[in-house]
Amino acid sequence: MKKLPALLGVIAVMLFLCPAALADDVWTISLLPGPDISGAAGSTIGWGFTITNFSSTDSLILDGISADSFAHAAANANVFSFPIVDPNSAFSVSYNPGVDGLYELTWDADAPVGFVNSGTFYVDAHFCDPADLGCTDTPEQELTLSYSATVSAPTTVPEPATTLLLAAGVAAATLLRRRPA
């Protein structure tokens, strides 16, 4: 019985220090395929996402996205569809250039190989009773995600050596010329 007050004190301190543990409205977001991506200069690359709504009663309404600035690239958030995620569910979108994803960027044609853009995405949402999706009276919540995008070396398709092609052409011409008519 002597340990009961001490145990209650520990529980009270934990609840005071961790109010999020009591909250029903909790959500997460992660980047697909991950936070680090790369692409050659001039290419368009981007991130997909998975959003998980852990609320047992409220829908999660995504309503804002922004990012730190990008250098040597043009950034585009217009691929984000601002989904509504039902209670106790997850929503995933793979990156599809110009169509779907969280964010995309197009490297400048002269972006130097090895250059890295790194920063933070800011995603805003609020919870709402599914019966009243027009609600705006719940507080806005913001999650942040770190990202990096690297300019990779261009991929090249190997081409046959011109000497070999020239030799094959000369051999074929020689064979055709020596045929008796």
Foldseek 3Di string as FASTA:
>chain_A
DVCVVVVVVVVVVVCVVCVVVVDLWDKDKAWPVHQEEEEAAQAKDAIKMKMFTAHQFWKKWWDDKDWDDDPQKDKDQVQDPRDIGDHGGMDIDGDDPPHHHRMMIGGHNPPDAFDKDKTKMKIKIFIDGPVCVVDDPGDIDIDMDIHMYGHHHDDDDDDDDVVVVVVVVVVVVVVVVPDDD
